[in-house]
N, C-alpha and C. Protein backbone atom coordinates (compact mmCIF):
# COMPACT_ATOMS: atom_id res chain seq x y z
N MET A 1 -73.79 133.99 -33.55
CA MET A 1 -74.52 134.48 -34.71
C MET A 1 -73.69 135.53 -35.46
N ALA A 2 -73.11 136.48 -34.69
CA ALA A 2 -72.30 137.52 -35.31
C ALA A 2 -71.05 136.92 -35.94
N SER A 3 -70.52 135.86 -35.32
CA SER A 3 -69.35 135.19 -35.86
C SER A 3 -69.67 134.53 -37.20
N ALA A 4 -70.85 133.94 -37.31
CA ALA A 4 -71.26 133.30 -38.56
C ALA A 4 -71.44 134.33 -39.66
N VAL A 5 -72.03 135.48 -39.32
CA VAL A 5 -72.22 136.55 -40.31
C VAL A 5 -70.87 137.08 -40.76
N SER A 6 -69.96 137.28 -39.80
CA SER A 6 -68.62 137.77 -40.12
C SER A 6 -67.88 136.78 -41.02
N SER A 7 -67.99 135.51 -40.70
CA SER A 7 -67.33 134.47 -41.50
C SER A 7 -67.91 134.42 -42.91
N THR A 8 -69.21 134.55 -43.03
CA THR A 8 -69.87 134.53 -44.34
C THR A 8 -69.45 135.73 -45.18
N LEU A 9 -69.40 136.92 -44.57
CA LEU A 9 -68.98 138.11 -45.29
C LEU A 9 -67.52 138.01 -45.73
N LYS A 10 -66.68 137.45 -44.87
CA LYS A 10 -65.27 137.30 -45.22
C LYS A 10 -65.10 136.34 -46.40
N SER A 11 -65.81 135.22 -46.38
CA SER A 11 -65.68 134.27 -47.49
C SER A 11 -66.31 134.83 -48.77
N ALA A 12 -67.37 135.61 -48.66
CA ALA A 12 -67.98 136.22 -49.84
C ALA A 12 -67.06 137.29 -50.43
N ALA A 13 -66.38 138.04 -49.58
CA ALA A 13 -65.49 139.10 -50.06
C ALA A 13 -64.25 138.53 -50.73
N SER A 14 -63.86 137.31 -50.38
CA SER A 14 -62.68 136.71 -51.00
C SER A 14 -63.03 135.77 -52.15
N GLU A 15 -64.29 135.74 -52.54
CA GLU A 15 -64.74 134.88 -53.63
C GLU A 15 -64.71 135.67 -54.94
N PRO A 16 -63.77 135.35 -55.85
CA PRO A 16 -63.64 136.16 -57.07
C PRO A 16 -64.84 136.07 -58.00
N LEU A 17 -65.59 134.99 -57.96
CA LEU A 17 -66.78 134.90 -58.81
C LEU A 17 -67.83 135.93 -58.38
N LEU A 18 -67.97 136.13 -57.09
CA LEU A 18 -68.94 137.09 -56.58
C LEU A 18 -68.47 138.52 -56.78
N THR A 19 -67.23 138.81 -56.33
CA THR A 19 -66.74 140.18 -56.45
C THR A 19 -66.53 140.57 -57.91
N GLY A 20 -66.07 139.63 -58.73
CA GLY A 20 -65.87 139.91 -60.16
C GLY A 20 -67.18 140.17 -60.87
N ALA A 21 -68.21 139.38 -60.54
CA ALA A 21 -69.52 139.59 -61.16
C ALA A 21 -70.10 140.94 -60.76
N LEU A 22 -69.99 141.29 -59.49
CA LEU A 22 -70.49 142.59 -59.02
C LEU A 22 -69.72 143.73 -59.68
N LEU A 23 -68.41 143.58 -59.79
CA LEU A 23 -67.59 144.60 -60.45
C LEU A 23 -68.00 144.76 -61.91
N TYR A 24 -68.23 143.66 -62.60
CA TYR A 24 -68.63 143.72 -64.00
C TYR A 24 -69.99 144.40 -64.14
N ILE A 25 -70.93 144.03 -63.29
CA ILE A 25 -72.27 144.62 -63.38
C ILE A 25 -72.22 146.11 -63.10
N LEU A 26 -71.43 146.54 -62.11
CA LEU A 26 -71.35 147.96 -61.77
C LEU A 26 -70.63 148.79 -62.83
N THR A 27 -69.75 148.18 -63.59
CA THR A 27 -68.98 148.95 -64.57
C THR A 27 -69.44 148.76 -66.00
N ARG A 28 -69.89 147.56 -66.36
CA ARG A 28 -70.24 147.29 -67.75
C ARG A 28 -71.57 146.57 -67.92
N GLY A 29 -72.28 146.39 -66.86
CA GLY A 29 -73.54 145.65 -66.92
C GLY A 29 -74.66 146.43 -67.59
N PRO A 30 -75.81 145.78 -67.79
CA PRO A 30 -76.97 146.47 -68.37
C PRO A 30 -77.37 147.68 -67.52
N SER A 31 -77.76 148.73 -68.18
CA SER A 31 -78.02 150.01 -67.48
C SER A 31 -79.14 149.89 -66.46
N HIS A 32 -80.20 149.13 -66.73
CA HIS A 32 -81.30 149.05 -65.76
C HIS A 32 -80.87 148.33 -64.48
N ILE A 33 -80.01 147.35 -64.58
CA ILE A 33 -79.51 146.66 -63.38
C ILE A 33 -78.51 147.55 -62.65
N ARG A 34 -77.65 148.21 -63.41
CA ARG A 34 -76.66 149.10 -62.82
C ARG A 34 -77.34 150.22 -62.05
N GLU A 35 -78.40 150.81 -62.63
CA GLU A 35 -79.13 151.89 -61.96
C GLU A 35 -79.74 151.41 -60.66
N ARG A 36 -80.28 150.22 -60.65
CA ARG A 36 -80.91 149.69 -59.44
C ARG A 36 -79.85 149.48 -58.34
N LEU A 37 -78.67 149.01 -58.71
CA LEU A 37 -77.61 148.79 -57.72
C LEU A 37 -76.97 150.09 -57.25
N LEU A 38 -76.90 151.09 -58.13
CA LEU A 38 -76.27 152.36 -57.78
C LEU A 38 -77.21 153.36 -57.10
N ARG A 39 -78.48 153.06 -57.04
CA ARG A 39 -79.46 153.97 -56.44
C ARG A 39 -79.08 154.40 -55.02
N PRO A 40 -78.56 153.52 -54.14
CA PRO A 40 -78.18 153.98 -52.80
C PRO A 40 -77.07 155.04 -52.81
N PHE A 41 -76.24 155.04 -53.83
CA PHE A 41 -75.18 156.04 -53.91
C PHE A 41 -75.73 157.39 -54.36
N ARG A 42 -76.99 157.44 -54.77
CA ARG A 42 -77.56 158.68 -55.29
C ARG A 42 -78.72 159.23 -54.46
N THR A 43 -79.38 158.39 -53.65
CA THR A 43 -80.62 158.85 -53.04
C THR A 43 -80.64 158.91 -51.53
N ASN A 44 -79.76 158.24 -50.80
CA ASN A 44 -79.86 158.25 -49.34
C ASN A 44 -78.57 158.76 -48.70
N LEU A 45 -78.21 158.23 -47.56
CA LEU A 45 -77.04 158.72 -46.82
C LEU A 45 -75.74 158.60 -47.62
N LEU A 46 -75.69 157.64 -48.53
CA LEU A 46 -74.48 157.48 -49.33
C LEU A 46 -74.38 158.52 -50.44
N ALA A 47 -75.45 159.33 -50.62
CA ALA A 47 -75.47 160.30 -51.70
C ALA A 47 -74.43 161.40 -51.51
N LYS A 48 -74.11 161.71 -50.24
CA LYS A 48 -73.10 162.73 -50.00
C LYS A 48 -71.75 162.17 -50.46
N ASN A 49 -71.12 162.86 -51.39
CA ASN A 49 -69.88 162.39 -52.02
C ASN A 49 -70.08 161.03 -52.69
N GLY A 50 -71.23 160.83 -53.30
CA GLY A 50 -71.60 159.55 -53.92
C GLY A 50 -70.62 159.09 -54.97
N ALA A 51 -70.15 160.01 -55.82
CA ALA A 51 -69.22 159.62 -56.89
C ALA A 51 -67.90 159.13 -56.30
N ALA A 52 -67.42 159.81 -55.26
CA ALA A 52 -66.17 159.40 -54.63
C ALA A 52 -66.33 158.06 -53.91
N ARG A 53 -67.47 157.89 -53.24
CA ARG A 53 -67.73 156.62 -52.55
C ARG A 53 -67.85 155.48 -53.54
N LEU A 54 -68.50 155.73 -54.67
CA LEU A 54 -68.65 154.70 -55.69
C LEU A 54 -67.28 154.34 -56.28
N ALA A 55 -66.44 155.33 -56.53
CA ALA A 55 -65.10 155.06 -57.04
C ALA A 55 -64.30 154.24 -56.04
N SER A 56 -64.41 154.55 -54.77
CA SER A 56 -63.72 153.78 -53.73
C SER A 56 -64.25 152.36 -53.66
N PHE A 57 -65.57 152.21 -53.76
CA PHE A 57 -66.19 150.88 -53.73
C PHE A 57 -65.71 150.03 -54.91
N ILE A 58 -65.63 150.64 -56.09
CA ILE A 58 -65.18 149.91 -57.28
C ILE A 58 -63.70 149.54 -57.15
N THR A 59 -62.89 150.43 -56.58
CA THR A 59 -61.47 150.13 -56.34
C THR A 59 -61.33 148.95 -55.38
N ILE A 60 -62.13 148.95 -54.32
CA ILE A 60 -62.11 147.85 -53.35
C ILE A 60 -62.52 146.54 -54.03
N LEU A 61 -63.55 146.60 -54.89
CA LEU A 61 -63.97 145.40 -55.62
C LEU A 61 -62.87 144.89 -56.54
N LYS A 62 -62.15 145.80 -57.19
CA LYS A 62 -61.03 145.39 -58.05
C LYS A 62 -59.95 144.67 -57.24
N ILE A 63 -59.63 145.23 -56.08
CA ILE A 63 -58.60 144.62 -55.23
C ILE A 63 -59.06 143.25 -54.74
N LEU A 64 -60.31 143.16 -54.25
CA LEU A 64 -60.81 141.89 -53.75
C LEU A 64 -60.86 140.83 -54.85
N THR A 65 -61.25 141.23 -56.06
CA THR A 65 -61.30 140.30 -57.18
C THR A 65 -59.90 139.83 -57.53
N SER A 66 -58.95 140.75 -57.58
CA SER A 66 -57.56 140.39 -57.91
C SER A 66 -56.98 139.44 -56.88
N VAL A 67 -57.16 139.76 -55.61
CA VAL A 67 -56.64 138.90 -54.54
C VAL A 67 -57.30 137.53 -54.59
N GLY A 68 -58.60 137.49 -54.84
CA GLY A 68 -59.31 136.21 -54.94
C GLY A 68 -58.81 135.36 -56.10
N VAL A 69 -58.58 135.99 -57.25
CA VAL A 69 -58.08 135.26 -58.42
C VAL A 69 -56.66 134.75 -58.14
N ILE A 70 -55.82 135.58 -57.55
CA ILE A 70 -54.45 135.16 -57.22
C ILE A 70 -54.48 134.00 -56.23
N ARG A 71 -55.37 134.06 -55.25
CA ARG A 71 -55.49 132.97 -54.27
C ARG A 71 -55.94 131.68 -54.96
N ARG A 72 -56.89 131.78 -55.85
CA ARG A 72 -57.36 130.59 -56.59
C ARG A 72 -56.26 129.99 -57.45
N VAL A 73 -55.51 130.84 -58.15
CA VAL A 73 -54.40 130.35 -58.99
C VAL A 73 -53.33 129.71 -58.11
N ASN A 74 -53.03 130.33 -56.97
CA ASN A 74 -52.05 129.77 -56.04
C ASN A 74 -52.51 128.40 -55.53
N ASP A 75 -53.76 128.27 -55.15
CA ASP A 75 -54.29 126.99 -54.68
C ASP A 75 -54.19 125.92 -55.77
N ALA A 76 -54.51 126.30 -57.01
CA ALA A 76 -54.43 125.35 -58.12
C ALA A 76 -52.99 124.91 -58.38
N LEU A 77 -52.05 125.86 -58.35
CA LEU A 77 -50.64 125.52 -58.57
C LEU A 77 -50.10 124.66 -57.43
N ASN A 78 -50.49 124.96 -56.19
CA ASN A 78 -50.06 124.14 -55.07
C ASN A 78 -50.59 122.71 -55.21
N SER A 79 -51.84 122.58 -55.57
CA SER A 79 -52.43 121.26 -55.76
C SER A 79 -51.71 120.50 -56.87
N LEU A 80 -51.39 121.17 -57.94
CA LEU A 80 -50.68 120.55 -59.05
C LEU A 80 -49.26 120.15 -58.63
N ALA A 81 -48.60 121.00 -57.87
CA ALA A 81 -47.25 120.68 -57.40
C ALA A 81 -47.26 119.48 -56.46
N TRP A 82 -48.24 119.42 -55.57
CA TRP A 82 -48.33 118.27 -54.66
C TRP A 82 -48.60 116.97 -55.43
N ASN A 83 -49.19 117.09 -56.61
CA ASN A 83 -49.48 115.93 -57.44
C ASN A 83 -48.38 115.69 -58.47
N LYS A 84 -47.19 116.23 -58.21
CA LYS A 84 -46.02 116.07 -59.08
C LYS A 84 -46.28 116.57 -60.49
N TRP A 85 -46.97 117.68 -60.60
CA TRP A 85 -47.25 118.38 -61.86
C TRP A 85 -48.05 117.52 -62.83
N ARG A 86 -48.89 116.66 -62.30
CA ARG A 86 -49.78 115.86 -63.14
C ARG A 86 -51.21 116.26 -62.82
N LEU A 87 -52.03 116.35 -63.86
CA LEU A 87 -53.41 116.77 -63.64
C LEU A 87 -54.27 115.68 -63.00
N PHE A 88 -54.03 114.44 -63.37
CA PHE A 88 -54.91 113.37 -62.90
C PHE A 88 -54.12 112.26 -62.24
N GLY A 89 -54.33 112.07 -60.95
CA GLY A 89 -53.78 110.93 -60.24
C GLY A 89 -52.27 110.82 -60.25
N ARG A 90 -51.81 109.78 -59.67
CA ARG A 90 -50.37 109.52 -59.63
C ARG A 90 -50.07 108.43 -60.63
N PRO A 91 -48.95 108.52 -61.33
CA PRO A 91 -48.64 107.52 -62.36
C PRO A 91 -48.19 106.20 -61.74
N GLY A 92 -48.35 105.15 -62.49
CA GLY A 92 -47.85 103.85 -62.07
C GLY A 92 -48.82 103.09 -61.19
N ALA A 93 -48.46 101.87 -60.93
CA ALA A 93 -49.29 101.00 -60.10
C ALA A 93 -49.09 101.34 -58.63
N PRO A 94 -50.08 101.04 -57.80
CA PRO A 94 -49.91 101.31 -56.37
C PRO A 94 -48.88 100.36 -55.76
N PHE A 95 -48.28 100.79 -54.64
CA PHE A 95 -47.32 99.95 -53.95
C PHE A 95 -48.00 98.70 -53.43
N LYS A 96 -47.24 97.59 -53.35
CA LYS A 96 -47.79 96.32 -52.88
C LYS A 96 -46.96 95.81 -51.71
N PHE A 97 -47.11 96.47 -50.56
CA PHE A 97 -46.45 96.02 -49.35
C PHE A 97 -47.32 94.96 -48.70
N GLY A 98 -46.72 94.04 -48.00
CA GLY A 98 -47.49 93.03 -47.30
C GLY A 98 -46.73 91.73 -47.19
N PRO A 99 -47.44 90.67 -46.79
CA PRO A 99 -46.77 89.39 -46.55
C PRO A 99 -46.15 88.80 -47.83
N GLY A 100 -46.65 89.19 -49.00
CA GLY A 100 -46.09 88.69 -50.26
C GLY A 100 -44.73 89.27 -50.58
N LYS A 101 -44.35 90.35 -49.92
CA LYS A 101 -43.06 91.04 -50.10
C LYS A 101 -42.75 91.28 -51.57
N GLU A 102 -43.65 91.96 -52.26
CA GLU A 102 -43.46 92.25 -53.68
C GLU A 102 -42.59 93.48 -53.92
N GLU A 103 -42.50 94.36 -52.95
CA GLU A 103 -41.73 95.59 -53.10
C GLU A 103 -40.30 95.39 -52.62
N LEU A 104 -39.38 96.16 -53.21
CA LEU A 104 -37.98 96.14 -52.83
C LEU A 104 -37.63 97.51 -52.24
N VAL A 105 -37.08 97.51 -51.03
CA VAL A 105 -36.71 98.74 -50.34
C VAL A 105 -35.20 98.74 -50.15
N ILE A 106 -34.54 99.81 -50.60
CA ILE A 106 -33.10 99.95 -50.41
C ILE A 106 -32.88 100.98 -49.30
N ILE A 107 -32.16 100.55 -48.27
CA ILE A 107 -31.93 101.42 -47.12
C ILE A 107 -30.44 101.62 -46.95
N THR A 108 -29.99 102.87 -47.00
CA THR A 108 -28.58 103.17 -46.75
C THR A 108 -28.43 103.50 -45.28
N GLY A 109 -27.38 103.01 -44.68
CA GLY A 109 -27.15 103.28 -43.26
C GLY A 109 -28.07 102.45 -42.39
N GLY A 110 -28.36 101.22 -42.80
CA GLY A 110 -29.32 100.39 -42.07
C GLY A 110 -28.75 99.64 -40.90
N SER A 111 -27.49 99.82 -40.58
CA SER A 111 -26.89 99.08 -39.47
C SER A 111 -27.07 99.76 -38.12
N SER A 112 -27.47 101.03 -38.13
CA SER A 112 -27.64 101.72 -36.85
C SER A 112 -28.60 102.90 -37.02
N GLY A 113 -29.08 103.39 -35.90
CA GLY A 113 -29.92 104.59 -35.89
C GLY A 113 -31.25 104.43 -36.60
N PHE A 114 -31.60 105.48 -37.32
CA PHE A 114 -32.89 105.52 -38.01
C PHE A 114 -32.98 104.44 -39.09
N GLY A 115 -31.88 104.22 -39.81
CA GLY A 115 -31.86 103.18 -40.83
C GLY A 115 -32.12 101.81 -40.25
N TYR A 116 -31.56 101.53 -39.09
CA TYR A 116 -31.78 100.28 -38.37
C TYR A 116 -33.27 100.09 -38.07
N GLU A 117 -33.90 101.14 -37.59
CA GLU A 117 -35.34 101.08 -37.28
C GLU A 117 -36.17 100.87 -38.55
N MET A 118 -35.72 101.46 -39.66
CA MET A 118 -36.44 101.26 -40.92
C MET A 118 -36.33 99.80 -41.38
N VAL A 119 -35.15 99.22 -41.23
CA VAL A 119 -34.97 97.81 -41.59
C VAL A 119 -35.92 96.95 -40.78
N LYS A 120 -35.98 97.17 -39.48
CA LYS A 120 -36.89 96.39 -38.62
C LYS A 120 -38.34 96.59 -39.04
N GLY A 121 -38.71 97.83 -39.39
CA GLY A 121 -40.09 98.11 -39.76
C GLY A 121 -40.51 97.52 -41.10
N PHE A 122 -39.61 97.57 -42.08
CA PHE A 122 -39.94 97.08 -43.41
C PHE A 122 -39.75 95.56 -43.56
N ALA A 123 -39.05 94.92 -42.64
CA ALA A 123 -38.65 93.52 -42.80
C ALA A 123 -39.83 92.59 -43.05
N GLU A 124 -40.96 92.82 -42.43
CA GLU A 124 -42.07 91.89 -42.62
C GLU A 124 -42.99 92.27 -43.78
N TYR A 125 -42.75 93.41 -44.43
CA TYR A 125 -43.64 93.86 -45.50
C TYR A 125 -42.99 93.95 -46.87
N ALA A 126 -41.64 93.92 -46.95
CA ALA A 126 -40.97 94.11 -48.23
C ALA A 126 -39.61 93.43 -48.21
N ARG A 127 -39.06 93.22 -49.40
CA ARG A 127 -37.68 92.75 -49.51
C ARG A 127 -36.78 93.96 -49.25
N ILE A 128 -35.66 93.74 -48.56
CA ILE A 128 -34.83 94.85 -48.15
C ILE A 128 -33.39 94.64 -48.60
N VAL A 129 -32.78 95.71 -49.10
CA VAL A 129 -31.35 95.73 -49.38
C VAL A 129 -30.77 96.81 -48.48
N VAL A 130 -29.78 96.43 -47.68
CA VAL A 130 -29.16 97.37 -46.75
C VAL A 130 -27.75 97.66 -47.22
N LEU A 131 -27.43 98.93 -47.37
CA LEU A 131 -26.10 99.38 -47.74
C LEU A 131 -25.53 100.20 -46.59
N ASP A 132 -24.40 99.76 -46.08
CA ASP A 132 -23.81 100.49 -44.95
C ASP A 132 -22.32 100.16 -44.87
N VAL A 133 -21.53 101.08 -44.37
CA VAL A 133 -20.10 100.84 -44.19
C VAL A 133 -19.84 100.08 -42.90
N ALA A 134 -20.79 100.13 -41.97
CA ALA A 134 -20.64 99.42 -40.69
C ALA A 134 -21.11 97.97 -40.86
N ASP A 135 -20.69 97.12 -39.91
CA ASP A 135 -21.13 95.72 -39.93
C ASP A 135 -22.62 95.63 -39.66
N PHE A 136 -23.23 94.61 -40.28
CA PHE A 136 -24.67 94.40 -40.13
C PHE A 136 -24.94 93.81 -38.74
N PRO A 137 -25.92 94.34 -37.99
CA PRO A 137 -26.18 93.85 -36.63
C PRO A 137 -26.63 92.38 -36.65
N THR A 138 -26.20 91.63 -35.66
CA THR A 138 -26.54 90.20 -35.60
C THR A 138 -28.03 89.98 -35.40
N GLU A 139 -28.71 90.87 -34.69
CA GLU A 139 -30.15 90.67 -34.47
C GLU A 139 -30.96 90.83 -35.75
N LEU A 140 -30.41 91.50 -36.78
CA LEU A 140 -31.12 91.63 -38.05
C LEU A 140 -30.74 90.53 -39.04
N GLU A 141 -29.71 89.77 -38.74
CA GLU A 141 -29.30 88.71 -39.64
C GLU A 141 -30.32 87.58 -39.69
N SER A 142 -31.20 87.51 -38.72
CA SER A 142 -32.21 86.46 -38.71
C SER A 142 -33.36 86.76 -39.67
N CYS A 143 -33.39 87.94 -40.26
CA CYS A 143 -34.44 88.28 -41.23
C CYS A 143 -34.33 87.31 -42.42
N GLU A 144 -35.45 86.94 -42.96
CA GLU A 144 -35.50 86.01 -44.08
C GLU A 144 -34.68 86.53 -45.26
N TYR A 145 -33.89 85.68 -45.87
CA TYR A 145 -33.07 85.98 -47.03
C TYR A 145 -31.95 86.99 -46.74
N SER A 146 -31.58 87.19 -45.51
CA SER A 146 -30.50 88.15 -45.25
C SER A 146 -29.18 87.57 -45.73
N GLN A 147 -28.39 88.41 -46.31
CA GLN A 147 -27.11 87.98 -46.84
C GLN A 147 -26.16 89.17 -46.80
N GLU A 148 -24.92 88.92 -46.46
CA GLU A 148 -23.95 90.00 -46.37
C GLU A 148 -22.88 89.77 -47.45
N TYR A 149 -22.50 90.84 -48.12
CA TYR A 149 -21.48 90.76 -49.17
C TYR A 149 -20.26 91.51 -48.76
């Protein structure tokens, strides 16, 4: 239960819409709402050094709002970067791998190592062009349409 409350408070404190709205109401909001929110700083235990506590609270709200806005902008820029700087979807038609072999895959270094494994993996799903300085392995020559130049 305490963990849920802590998690909720943490997410609320990092939400710029909430902290920004509270900051705006406390500094520039309508006077009757501002008075109702500031009453604890004037009438109870918070009244001692109330002006200093209020100034500290407003400073904390400014920091939380700034950090929240920066985090939101960072998330938006990261999302845009992952999408190759396009706002909507990925351009072009989707890839068509499969038994029809409509896609063409060019593999450099396909005669050995990782390139060899890629040739074996793509052979049944796409047309393959292998570029390598080494000789082409005999076990891959049986692939359909294989040809060496």
